[in-house]
Protein backbone atom coordinates (compact mmCIF):
# COMPACT_ATOMS: atom_id res chain seq x y z
CA MET A 1 0.00 0.00 0.00
CA THR A 2 1.38 3.38 -0.97
CA GLN A 3 1.89 6.20 1.50
CA SER A 4 -0.89 8.20 -0.18
CA MET A 5 -3.36 5.34 0.38
CA LYS A 6 -2.33 5.18 4.05
CA ASP A 7 -2.72 8.95 4.34
CA ASN A 8 -6.09 8.82 2.55
CA LYS A 9 -7.32 6.19 5.01
CA LEU A 10 -6.33 8.32 7.99
CA ASN A 11 -7.78 11.45 6.40
CA ALA A 12 -11.12 9.79 5.53
CA VAL A 13 -11.55 8.65 9.13
CA GLU A 14 -10.63 12.03 10.59
CA PHE A 15 -12.84 13.87 8.07
CA TYR A 16 -15.86 11.76 8.93
CA ARG A 17 -15.16 11.87 12.68
CA MET A 18 -14.87 15.68 12.67
CA ALA A 19 -18.14 16.09 10.77
CA PHE A 20 -19.99 13.49 12.84
CA GLU A 21 -18.81 15.00 16.12
CA GLY A 22 -19.95 18.49 15.12
CA ASP A 23 -17.29 20.31 13.10
CA PRO A 24 -18.27 19.88 9.44
CA LYS A 25 -16.83 23.27 8.44
CA GLY A 26 -13.45 22.36 9.92
CA ALA A 27 -13.58 18.95 8.24
CA VAL A 28 -14.25 20.56 4.85
CA GLU A 29 -11.51 23.17 5.28
CA ARG A 30 -8.97 20.53 6.19
CA PHE A 31 -9.85 17.58 3.97
CA VAL A 32 -11.97 18.58 0.94
CA GLY A 33 -10.63 19.53 -2.48
CA SER A 34 -11.80 22.10 -4.98
CA GLU A 35 -15.07 20.19 -5.56
CA TYR A 36 -17.20 17.83 -3.50
CA ILE A 37 -19.61 15.56 -5.35
CA GLN A 38 -22.29 14.09 -3.08
CA HIS A 39 -24.21 10.93 -4.09
CA ASN A 40 -26.40 10.56 -0.98
CA PRO A 41 -29.87 11.75 -2.08
CA SER A 42 -30.61 13.04 1.45
CA VAL A 43 -27.67 15.48 1.37
CA GLY A 44 -27.27 18.49 -0.89
CA ASP A 45 -24.43 18.46 -3.41
CA GLY A 46 -21.17 20.29 -2.74
CA VAL A 47 -19.62 21.48 0.50
CA ALA A 48 -22.61 23.65 1.43
CA GLY A 49 -24.93 20.63 1.36
CA PHE A 50 -22.48 18.57 3.42
CA ILE A 51 -22.04 21.29 6.04
CA HIS A 52 -25.78 21.93 6.26
CA TYR A 53 -26.54 18.24 6.77
CA PHE A 54 -24.00 17.73 9.56
CA GLU A 55 -24.86 21.01 11.29
CA ARG A 56 -28.50 19.89 11.34
CA MET A 57 -27.45 16.49 12.74
CA ARG A 58 -25.42 18.27 15.45
CA GLU A 59 -28.46 20.32 16.49
CA GLU A 60 -30.99 17.48 16.34
CA TYR A 61 -28.79 14.72 17.83
CA GLN A 62 -26.35 16.08 20.36
CA ILE A 63 -25.63 12.62 21.76
CA LYS A 64 -24.39 10.08 19.23
CA GLU A 65 -21.40 7.80 18.77
CA ILE A 66 -19.44 6.37 15.85
CA ASN A 67 -17.04 3.43 15.74
CA PHE A 68 -14.85 2.84 12.69
CA LEU A 69 -14.75 -0.91 12.13
CA ARG A 70 -12.95 -1.25 8.80
CA VAL A 71 -11.00 1.15 6.60
CA ILE A 72 -10.01 -0.10 3.15
CA ALA A 73 -8.08 1.73 0.43
CA GLU A 74 -7.67 0.94 -3.23
CA GLY A 75 -6.25 3.46 -5.68
CA ASP A 76 -7.92 6.81 -5.06
CA LEU A 77 -10.82 5.30 -3.05
CA VAL A 78 -11.28 4.73 0.67
CA ALA A 79 -14.13 2.68 2.14
CA LEU A 80 -15.29 3.05 5.75
CA HIS A 81 -17.44 0.50 7.58
CA THR A 82 -18.93 2.10 10.68
CA ARG A 83 -21.26 1.41 13.55
CA GLN A 84 -23.29 4.44 14.56
CA MET A 85 -25.32 4.73 17.76
CA TRP A 86 -28.00 7.42 17.70
CA PRO A 87 -30.71 8.05 20.29
CA GLU A 88 -33.03 5.05 20.12
CA GLU A 89 -31.44 3.62 16.92
CA GLU A 90 -28.27 1.96 15.73
CA TYR A 91 -26.95 1.92 12.16
CA VAL A 92 -24.30 0.21 10.08
CA THR A 93 -22.84 2.34 7.29
CA MET A 94 -20.57 1.93 4.31
CA ASP A 95 -19.02 5.16 3.04
CA PHE A 96 -16.80 5.54 -0.01
CA PHE A 97 -14.60 8.56 -0.62
CA ARG A 98 -12.67 9.45 -3.77
CA PHE A 99 -9.50 11.50 -3.37
CA ASP A 100 -7.77 13.80 -5.86
CA GLU A 101 -4.03 13.78 -6.62
CA ALA A 102 -3.40 16.22 -3.74
CA GLY A 103 -4.98 13.84 -1.21
CA LYS A 104 -8.22 15.81 -0.84
CA ILE A 105 -11.70 14.29 -0.77
CA ILE A 106 -13.72 15.15 -3.87
CA GLU A 107 -16.54 12.58 -4.01
CA HIS A 108 -18.70 10.56 -1.60
CA TRP A 109 -21.12 7.61 -1.77
CA ASP A 110 -22.77 5.79 1.13
CA ALA A 111 -25.21 3.09 2.17
CA ILE A 112 -26.91 3.20 5.55
CA GLN A 113 -28.91 0.42 7.19
CA ARG A 114 -30.69 0.41 10.52
CA VAL A 115 -29.62 -2.48 12.75
CA PRO A 116 -32.77 -4.57 13.33
CA GLU A 117 -33.81 -5.84 16.74
CA GLU A 118 -34.06 -9.39 15.36
CA SER A 119 -32.02 -11.20 12.72
CA MET A 120 -32.72 -14.26 10.60
CA ASN A 121 -29.17 -15.48 11.41
CA ALA A 122 -26.61 -15.33 14.21
CA ASN A 123 -24.13 -13.21 12.22
CA THR A 124 -23.63 -9.60 13.20
CA MET A 125 -23.58 -6.63 10.86
CA PHE A 126 -20.23 -5.62 12.30
């Protein structure tokens, strides 16, 4: 694994942690490139949409927790597998970030699934 992939992994985790914990503007200033393409249909495109979404989450959900379970890099992509605990609900997420040549995040995709109370098998989602 190249140094840039290692750096991208660390930067993706810190970017997401900063935004999740309430500093989306700081996360954008530090980690986002000249553009930010958003593929989540619940979040506006660009940095303004990202900041707005996470500022709203900070106001509506002051108590929440995130655990980074897996971080995988390939080429200019980093994938995060997380466990998120929100008031009264728990989620598993998969986030994908694309980095530019300067090591800045320029694109994001995600899939989010609520952790059910019952499962048809004994395997966990984590």
